[in-house]
Amino acid sequence: PNRPNIQKVTTKQSMGRIDNILLLAENGSLALKPGLRWKADYELLSPMAWSALQAWYDGGPPIYRSVVSHAGDANGSLGSMMLSPERPSRRKVVVENEIELYPMFATVFMCDAASKGAARPFQQYVPVSRVNPLREVLVSLCAQLDV
């Protein structure tokens, strides 16, 4: 009997090395270029997905961003959040989460015996949230700098 020869053809097209430098501003920080478009210029990944892709394809640098919460009323106004005890409001508070793509970046300086008390750059361009309270920013900076 004549049977056709069936072969399974598998092709693997390599994505190539990951190059996130094209997404970054030219100031040496991990700040993104303005005007980038989600899905057209970049994709959002969970830390586990990023680790897998980096293990398979190498490259980087990794660009981490935080999820921040915004609170306001149903109209998006923050003014209604400041209520006086005499006039309680029945407005509904809406909390929305978003990824903070464009945080501020702070430069951290170190003063120690080696620098004789003069400030010198230690770790430049640490991302700082525009939304989170200052206390959270300080706790995050201390954790990042292991102090």
Foldseek 3Di string as FASTA:
>chain_A
DDDDDDDDDDDDDDPAADECVVQADPPPALAGDPPDDEPVRDHDDDPVVVVVCCVVHNDDDDRDWDKDKDKDFPVSDNVLVDDDPVDDDPTDIDIDIDTDRGFFFAFDWDADVVVPRDTDTDDGGDGAHPPDDPVVRVVVVCVVVVD
